[in-house]
C-alpha atoms as a PDB file:
ATOM      1  CA  MET A   1     -31.519 159.748  94.033  1.00  0.00           C
ATOM      2  CA  LYS A   2     -27.968 158.905  94.966  1.00  0.00           C
ATOM      3  CA  LEU A   3     -27.320 156.509  97.765  1.00  0.00           C
ATOM      4  CA  ASN A   4     -23.890 156.700  99.409  1.00  0.00           C
ATOM      5  CA  LEU A   5     -22.016 153.726 101.078  1.00  0.00           C
ATOM      6  CA  LYS A   6     -23.440 154.375 104.438  1.00  0.00           C
ATOM      7  CA  THR A   7     -27.254 154.308 103.128  1.00  0.00           C
ATOM      8  CA  ILE A   8     -26.572 151.060 101.020  1.00  0.00           C
ATOM      9  CA  THR A   9     -24.918 149.325 103.995  1.00  0.00           C
ATOM     10  CA  LYS A  10     -28.444 150.143 106.146  1.00  0.00           C
ATOM     11  CA  PHE A  11     -30.556 148.482 103.430  1.00  0.00           C
ATOM     12  CA  LEU A  12     -28.253 145.762 102.674  1.00  0.00           C
ATOM     13  CA  ALA A  13     -27.501 144.711 106.063  1.00  0.00           C
ATOM     14  CA  PRO A  14     -30.485 142.770 107.094  1.00  0.00           C
ATOM     15  CA  ALA A  15     -30.440 140.664 104.039  1.00  0.00           C
ATOM     16  CA  LEU A  16     -26.969 140.039 104.409  1.00  0.00           C
ATOM     17  CA  CYS A  17     -27.471 138.724 107.914  1.00  0.00           C
ATOM     18  CA  LEU A  18     -30.612 136.636 106.742  1.00  0.00           C
ATOM     19  CA  GLY A  19     -28.251 134.870 104.041  1.00  0.00           C
ATOM     20  CA  LEU A  20     -25.667 134.151 106.816  1.00  0.00           C
ATOM     21  CA  LEU A  21     -28.273 132.942 109.069  1.00  0.00           C
ATOM     22  CA  GLY A  22     -29.536 130.588 106.384  1.00  0.00           C
ATOM     23  CA  ALA A  23     -26.269 129.345 105.090  1.00  0.00           C
ATOM     24  CA  THR A  24     -25.513 128.695 108.801  1.00  0.00           C
ATOM     25  CA  GLN A  25     -29.040 126.770 109.331  1.00  0.00           C
ATOM     26  CA  LYS A  26     -28.134 124.807 106.071  1.00  0.00           C
ATOM     27  CA  ALA A  27     -24.595 123.984 107.040  1.00  0.00           C
ATOM     28  CA  ALA A  28     -25.971 122.685 110.391  1.00  0.00           C
ATOM     29  CA  GLN A  29     -28.283 120.538 109.002  1.00  0.00           C
ATOM     30  CA  ALA A  30     -27.579 116.718 109.763  1.00  0.00           C
ATOM     31  CA  HIS A  31     -27.171 113.658 107.448  1.00  0.00           C
ATOM     32  CA  PHE A  32     -27.701 110.286 107.430  1.00  0.00           C
ATOM     33  CA  ILE A  33     -27.274 107.570 105.176  1.00  0.00           C
ATOM     34  CA  TRP A  34     -30.496 106.311 103.697  1.00  0.00           C
ATOM     35  CA  ALA A  35     -31.179 103.321 101.220  1.00  0.00           C
ATOM     36  CA  GLU A  36     -34.420 102.932  99.266  1.00  0.00           C
ATOM     37  CA  ILE A  37     -35.219 100.293  96.681  1.00  0.00           C
ATOM     38  CA  ASP A  38     -36.649 101.597  93.390  1.00  0.00           C
ATOM     39  CA  GLN A  39     -37.450  98.894  90.852  1.00  0.00           C
ATOM     40  CA  ASN A  40     -34.585  96.556  90.445  1.00  0.00           C
ATOM     41  CA  GLU A  41     -32.022  99.047  92.098  1.00  0.00           C
ATOM     42  CA  VAL A  42     -31.155  99.828  95.577  1.00  0.00           C
ATOM     43  CA  HIS A  43     -30.344 103.946  95.978  1.00  0.00           C
ATOM     44  CA  VAL A  44     -27.943 105.130  98.919  1.00  0.00           C
ATOM     45  CA  ALA A  45     -27.166 108.932  99.631  1.00  0.00           C
ATOM     46  CA  LEU A  46     -26.232 110.589 102.522  1.00  0.00           C
ATOM     47  CA  SER A  47     -28.740 112.891 103.146  1.00  0.00           C
ATOM     48  CA  GLU A  48     -30.943 114.957 105.574  1.00  0.00           C
ATOM     49  CA  ARG A  49     -34.126 113.202 104.493  1.00  0.00           C
ATOM     50  CA  PRO A  50     -34.695 109.939 102.345  1.00  0.00           C
ATOM     51  CA  GLY A  51     -35.267 111.044  98.529  1.00  0.00           C
ATOM     52  CA  GLU A  52     -33.235 114.093  98.861  1.00  0.00           C
ATOM     53  CA  ASP A  53     -29.901 115.282  97.279  1.00  0.00           C
ATOM     54  CA  GLY A  54     -26.917 113.214  98.409  1.00  0.00           C
ATOM     55  CA  ILE A  55     -23.573 114.426  99.333  1.00  0.00           C
ATOM     56  CA  ARG A  56     -20.116 112.845 100.160  1.00  0.00           C
ATOM     57  CA  PHE A  57     -20.424 110.049  97.542  1.00  0.00           C
ATOM     58  CA  ASP A  58     -16.622 109.255  98.621  1.00  0.00           C
ATOM     59  CA  GLN A  59     -17.749 108.229 101.637  1.00  0.00           C
ATOM     60  CA  VAL A  60     -20.997 106.574 100.711  1.00  0.00           C
ATOM     61  CA  GLN A  61     -19.223 104.599  98.257  1.00  0.00           C
ATOM     62  CA  LYS A  62     -17.490 102.771 100.785  1.00  0.00           C
ATOM     63  CA  SER A  63     -20.572 101.335 101.992  1.00  0.00           C
ATOM     64  CA  VAL A  64     -21.269  97.679 102.490  1.00  0.00           C
ATOM     65  CA  ILE A  65     -24.243  97.043 100.419  1.00  0.00           C
ATOM     66  CA  THR A  66     -26.093  93.647 100.954  1.00  0.00           C
ATOM     67  CA  SER A  67     -29.302  91.898  99.802  1.00  0.00           C
ATOM     68  CA  GLY A  68     -30.511  88.494  99.304  1.00  0.00           C
ATOM     69  CA  GLY A  69     -27.252  86.993 100.711  1.00  0.00           C
ATOM     70  CA  GLN A  70     -25.240  88.876  98.425  1.00  0.00           C
ATOM     71  CA  THR A  71     -22.579  91.740  98.595  1.00  0.00           C
ATOM     72  CA  LEU A  72     -23.673  94.410  95.657  1.00  0.00           C
ATOM     73  CA  LEU A  73     -21.438  96.679  94.031  1.00  0.00           C
ATOM     74  CA  LEU A  74     -22.176 100.550  94.682  1.00  0.00           C
ATOM     75  CA  ASN A  75     -21.877 102.787  91.719  1.00  0.00           C
ATOM     76  CA  PRO A  76     -22.177 106.536  90.873  1.00  0.00           C
ATOM     77  CA  GLN A  77     -25.203 107.370  88.540  1.00  0.00           C
ATOM     78  CA  ASP A  78     -24.517 110.216  85.768  1.00  0.00           C
ATOM     79  CA  GLY A  79     -26.668 113.071  86.836  1.00  0.00           C
ATOM     80  CA  LYS A  80     -28.275 111.529  89.789  1.00  0.00           C
ATOM     81  CA  THR A  81     -27.963 112.642  93.376  1.00  0.00           C
ATOM     82  CA  TYR A  82     -27.559 109.105  94.750  1.00  0.00           C
ATOM     83  CA  LEU A  83     -25.195 105.847  94.391  1.00  0.00           C
ATOM     84  CA  ALA A  84     -26.974 102.625  93.295  1.00  0.00           C
ATOM     85  CA  ALA A  85     -26.468  98.896  92.815  1.00  0.00           C
ATOM     86  CA  THR A  86     -28.445  96.153  91.157  1.00  0.00           C
ATOM     87  CA  LEU A  87     -30.500  93.816  93.421  1.00  0.00           C
ATOM     88  CA  PRO A  88     -30.612  90.122  92.835  1.00  0.00           C
ATOM     89  CA  PRO A  89     -33.917  89.024  91.516  1.00  0.00           C
ATOM     90  CA  GLN A  90     -36.725  89.084  93.536  1.00  0.00           C
ATOM     91  CA  SER A  91     -34.761  90.578  96.502  1.00  0.00           C
ATOM     92  CA  ASN A  92     -37.334  93.091  98.502  1.00  0.00           C
ATOM     93  CA  VAL A  93     -34.975  94.045 101.489  1.00  0.00           C
ATOM     94  CA  ALA A  94     -31.519  95.449 101.220  1.00  0.00           C
ATOM     95  CA  ALA A  95     -29.041  96.769 103.741  1.00  0.00           C
ATOM     96  CA  ALA A  96     -26.050  99.878 103.846  1.00  0.00           C
ATOM     97  CA  SER A  97     -23.523  99.663 106.270  1.00  0.00           C
ATOM     98  CA  ASN A  98     -20.961 102.252 106.845  1.00  0.00           C
ATOM     99  CA  ASN A  99     -17.845 102.801 109.225  1.00  0.00           C
ATOM    100  CA  TRP A 100     -17.720 106.360 108.492  1.00  0.00           C
ATOM    101  CA  GLY A 101     -14.615 106.748 111.042  1.00  0.00           C
ATOM    102  CA  VAL A 102     -13.382 108.375 114.345  1.00  0.00           C
ATOM    103  CA  MET A 103     -15.373 111.876 114.978  1.00  0.00           C
ATOM    104  CA  ASP A 104     -13.870 114.666 117.220  1.00  0.00           C
ATOM    105  CA  ARG A 105     -16.739 116.691 118.141  1.00  0.00           C
ATOM    106  CA  THR A 106     -15.712 117.813 121.632  1.00  0.00           C
ATOM    107  CA  ASN A 107     -16.075 121.539 120.827  1.00  0.00           C
ATOM    108  CA  GLN A 108     -19.668 120.714 120.345  1.00  0.00           C
ATOM    109  CA  GLY A 109     -20.154 118.879 123.538  1.00  0.00           C
ATOM    110  CA  ARG A 110     -20.452 115.209 121.964  1.00  0.00           C
ATOM    111  CA  GLY A 111     -16.911 114.115 122.649  1.00  0.00           C
ATOM    112  CA  ILE A 112     -14.815 111.809 120.300  1.00  0.00           C
ATOM    113  CA  TYR A 113     -16.551 108.459 118.985  1.00  0.00           C
ATOM    114  CA  LEU A 114     -16.716 105.940 116.155  1.00  0.00           C
ATOM    115  CA  LEU A 115     -19.528 106.755 113.741  1.00  0.00           C
ATOM    116  CA  TYR A 116     -21.394 103.862 112.191  1.00  0.00           C
ATOM    117  CA  TYR A 117     -24.527 104.248 109.452  1.00  0.00           C
ATOM    118  CA  HIS A 118     -26.915 101.380 109.352  1.00  0.00           C
ATOM    119  CA  ALA A 119     -29.199 101.648 106.576  1.00  0.00           C
ATOM    120  CA  LYS A 120     -31.879  99.419 105.691  1.00  0.00           C
ATOM    121  CA  ALA A 121     -34.292  99.595 102.471  1.00  0.00           C
ATOM    122  CA  ALA A 122     -37.875  97.343 102.077  1.00  0.00           C
ATOM    123  CA  ARG A 123     -39.915  97.632  98.987  1.00  0.00           C
ATOM    124  CA  THR A 124     -43.062  97.699 100.876  1.00  0.00           C
ATOM    125  CA  ILE A 125     -44.437  97.953 104.381  1.00  0.00           C
ATOM    126  CA  ALA A 126     -44.972  93.921 103.961  1.00  0.00           C
ATOM    127  CA  ASP A 127     -41.298  93.382 103.271  1.00  0.00           C
ATOM    128  CA  ALA A 128     -40.195  95.991 106.242  1.00  0.00           C
ATOM    129  CA  VAL A 129     -41.069  92.870 108.818  1.00  0.00           C
ATOM    130  CA  LYS A 130     -38.104  90.840 106.939  1.00  0.00           C
ATOM    131  CA  PRO A 131     -34.538  90.892 108.338  1.00  0.00           C
ATOM    132  CA  SER A 132     -31.437  92.632 107.023  1.00  0.00           C
ATOM    133  CA  ASP A 133     -27.837  91.551 107.743  1.00  0.00           C
ATOM    134  CA  LEU A 134     -27.332  95.107 109.913  1.00  0.00           C
ATOM    135  CA  PRO A 135     -26.270  94.517 113.779  1.00  0.00           C
ATOM    136  CA  ALA A 136     -29.079  97.212 114.214  1.00  0.00           C
ATOM    137  CA  GLN A 137     -32.183  97.387 112.270  1.00  0.00           C
ATOM    138  CA  TRP A 138     -35.910  98.438 112.080  1.00  0.00           C
ATOM    139  CA  TYR A 139     -38.772  96.127 111.525  1.00  0.00           C
ATOM    140  CA  ALA A 140     -42.249  97.535 110.944  1.00  0.00           C
ATOM    141  CA  LYS A 141     -45.620  96.304 110.132  1.00  0.00           C
ATOM    142  CA  SER A 142     -49.181  97.738 109.164  1.00  0.00           C
ATOM    143  CA  GLN A 143     -51.333  97.191 112.281  1.00  0.00           C
ATOM    144  CA  ASN A 144     -55.149  98.614 112.247  1.00  0.00           C
ATOM    145  CA  GLY A 145     -54.240 101.873 110.180  1.00  0.00           C
ATOM    146  CA  GLN A 146     -51.160 102.694 112.122  1.00  0.00           C
ATOM    147  CA  ILE A 147     -47.607 101.288 111.875  1.00  0.00           C
ATOM    148  CA  LEU A 148     -45.508  99.482 114.605  1.00  0.00           C
ATOM    149  CA  ALA A 149     -41.906  99.877 114.319  1.00  0.00           C
ATOM    150  CA  THR A 150     -39.326  98.143 116.474  1.00  0.00           C
ATOM    151  CA  LEU A 151     -35.691  98.846 116.891  1.00  0.00           C
ATOM    152  CA  VAL A 152     -33.172  95.731 117.707  1.00  0.00           C
ATOM    153  CA  ARG A 153     -29.765  95.505 118.203  1.00  0.00           C
ATOM    154  CA  LYS A 154     -27.821  92.300 118.178  1.00  0.00           C
ATOM    155  CA  GLY A 155     -31.395  90.548 118.356  1.00  0.00           C
ATOM    156  CA  VAL A 156     -32.685  92.776 121.290  1.00  0.00           C
ATOM    157  CA  PRO A 157     -34.875  95.393 121.612  1.00  0.00           C
ATOM    158  CA  VAL A 158     -33.779  98.862 122.145  1.00  0.00           C
ATOM    159  CA  PRO A 159     -35.516 100.736 124.460  1.00  0.00           C
ATOM    160  CA  GLY A 160     -35.418 104.771 125.028  1.00  0.00           C
ATOM    161  CA  ALA A 161     -33.600 105.387 121.815  1.00  0.00           C
ATOM    162  CA  ALA A 162     -34.182 108.908 119.964  1.00  0.00           C
ATOM    163  CA  VAL A 163     -36.583 108.386 117.226  1.00  0.00           C
ATOM    164  CA  GLU A 164     -37.355 110.563 114.335  1.00  0.00           C
ATOM    165  CA  ILE A 165     -40.399 109.254 111.807  1.00  0.00           C
ATOM    166  CA  ILE A 166     -40.375 111.184 108.205  1.00  0.00           C
ATOM    167  CA  LEU A 167     -43.800 110.650 106.528  1.00  0.00           C
ATOM    168  CA  PRO A 168     -44.936 111.427 102.821  1.00  0.00           C
ATOM    169  CA  GLY A 169     -44.951 114.593 101.993  1.00  0.00           C
ATOM    170  CA  GLY A 170     -41.652 115.531 104.422  1.00  0.00           C
ATOM    171  CA  GLN A 171     -43.719 115.958 107.584  1.00  0.00           C
ATOM    172  CA  SER A 172     -41.937 114.533 110.626  1.00  0.00           C
ATOM    173  CA  GLN A 173     -42.555 113.327 114.275  1.00  0.00           C
ATOM    174  CA  LYS A 174     -40.019 112.976 117.247  1.00  0.00           C
ATOM    175  CA  THR A 175     -40.279 110.279 119.446  1.00  0.00           C
ATOM    176  CA  VAL A 176     -38.416 107.831 121.455  1.00  0.00           C
ATOM    177  CA  THR A 177     -39.013 103.992 121.671  1.00  0.00           C
ATOM    178  CA  ASP A 178     -40.601 102.403 124.605  1.00  0.00           C
ATOM    179  CA  SER A 179     -39.745  99.650 127.138  1.00  0.00           C
ATOM    180  CA  ASN A 180     -39.920  96.940 124.179  1.00  0.00           C
ATOM    181  CA  GLY A 181     -38.344  98.883 121.504  1.00  0.00           C
ATOM    182  CA  LYS A 182     -41.197 100.066 119.557  1.00  0.00           C
ATOM    183  CA  VAL A 183     -42.919 103.343 118.267  1.00  0.00           C
ATOM    184  CA  LEU A 184     -46.545 103.471 117.256  1.00  0.00           C
ATOM    185  CA  PHE A 185     -47.508 106.042 114.719  1.00  0.00           C
ATOM    186  CA  ASP A 186     -50.268 106.633 112.441  1.00  0.00           C
ATOM    187  CA  SER A 187     -50.202 105.900 108.558  1.00  0.00           C
ATOM    188  CA  ALA A 188     -49.898 108.839 106.194  1.00  0.00           C
ATOM    189  CA  GLY A 189     -51.235 107.425 103.022  1.00  0.00           C
ATOM    190  CA  GLU A 190     -48.947 106.654 100.266  1.00  0.00           C
ATOM    191  CA  GLY A 191     -45.520 107.238  99.477  1.00  0.00           C
ATOM    192  CA  ILE A 192     -41.992 106.764 101.153  1.00  0.00           C
ATOM    193  CA  TYR A 193     -41.639 106.706 104.833  1.00  0.00           C
ATOM    194  CA  GLY A 194     -38.547 106.933 106.570  1.00  0.00           C
ATOM    195  CA  ILE A 195     -37.105 106.134 110.554  1.00  0.00           C
ATOM    196  CA  LYS A 196     -34.370 107.176 111.955  1.00  0.00           C
ATOM    197  CA  ALA A 197     -32.792 106.374 115.421  1.00  0.00           C
ATOM    198  CA  LEU A 198     -29.656 107.132 117.513  1.00  0.00           C
ATOM    199  CA  LEU A 199     -28.056 104.224 119.238  1.00  0.00           C
ATOM    200  CA  THR A 200     -24.831 104.999 121.722  1.00  0.00           C
ATOM    201  CA  SER A 201     -22.654 102.499 123.133  1.00  0.00           C
ATOM    202  CA  SER A 202     -19.699 103.109 125.899  1.00  0.00           C
ATOM    203  CA  GLU A 203     -17.574 100.505 123.748  1.00  0.00           C
ATOM    204  CA  SER A 204     -13.783 101.894 122.942  1.00  0.00           C
ATOM    205  CA  GLY A 205     -11.369 100.822 120.807  1.00  0.00           C
ATOM    206  CA  ALA A 206      -9.233 102.373 117.811  1.00  0.00           C
ATOM    207  CA  TYR A 207      -9.832 102.871 114.175  1.00  0.00           C
ATOM    208  CA  GLU A 208      -7.522 103.762 111.425  1.00  0.00           C
ATOM    209  CA  GLY A 209      -4.928 104.700 114.285  1.00  0.00           C
ATOM    210  CA  LYS A 210      -7.374 106.863 116.274  1.00  0.00           C
ATOM    211  CA  THR A 211      -8.917 105.981 119.544  1.00  0.00           C
ATOM    212  CA  TYR A 212     -12.213 106.398 120.560  1.00  0.00           C
ATOM    213  CA  PRO A 213     -14.027 105.889 123.705  1.00  0.00           C
ATOM    214  CA  ALA A 214     -17.574 105.209 122.317  1.00  0.00           C
ATOM    215  CA  ILE A 215     -19.696 104.408 119.484  1.00  0.00           C
ATOM    216  CA  ARG A 216     -22.655 106.423 117.811  1.00  0.00           C
ATOM    217  CA  SER A 217     -24.867 104.479 115.336  1.00  0.00           C
ATOM    218  CA  TYR A 218     -27.722 105.821 113.302  1.00  0.00           C
ATOM    219  CA  THR A 219     -30.064 103.317 111.977  1.00  0.00           C
ATOM    220  CA  THR A 220     -32.280 104.141 109.428  1.00  0.00           C
ATOM    221  CA  LEU A 221     -35.352 102.161 107.699  1.00  0.00           C
ATOM    222  CA  THR A 222     -37.475 103.410 104.260  1.00  0.00           C
ATOM    223  CA  PHE A 223     -40.574 101.590 102.903  1.00  0.00           C
ATOM    224  CA  HIS A 224     -43.119 102.266 100.357  1.00  0.00           C
ATOM    225  CA  ILE A 225     -46.822 102.175 100.710  1.00  0.00           C
ATOM    226  CA  GLY A 226     -49.037 102.552  98.103  1.00  0.00           C
ATOM    227  CA  ALA A 227     -50.728 100.472  95.211  1.00  0.00           C
ATOM    228  CA  ALA A 228     -47.842 101.214  92.782  1.00  0.00           C
ATOM    229  CA  THR A 229     -45.206  99.480  94.906  1.00  0.00           C
ATOM    230  CA  GLU A 230     -47.053  96.343  96.221  1.00  0.00           C
END
């Protein structure tokens, strides 16, 4: 059977539309800086979720990494999709801070703002109650089979922040912090957990010659639950 151009186009059009839609959805995915402790290293990546392939290594490498009162050197890893720094001995908490720069998202209805990423990594849930050097960070602990997490900025709990909780296996939950900056959710067994929140501020200023009327900060936390990590 011979197919003319019109017939071929008829068959291919739906597939092309689906392909374009998938590419658009993939391009629209948001990415955040996540830090994760693995053995004697902290891994840092810009990705949608913790543990996924990272992008924009050039920008991620500008992150300030701290642990145990020390500033760490962050380096690319051959064949890996994250950057890594060696932890000081007996360090169970690390932090990554990144001033991404001034963003103009006026065409998306988000205006102009200075974008910050703050990522905290705890080796285990027991370590997630320990502080890092970040100005905004999560604290978390086990509580009767659940996990209680608190979002704090400059020592003050943050109420009403939009939160996404990422569980082992990839499931996610969306919620907001209560009046005391807390969220409570069920434990989902062993694996890596991620918590992300958006913080906004009307603080204005200038950075690298660009002015901004507001600041948006994404604050993340990762920790492990499981016999292999505790």
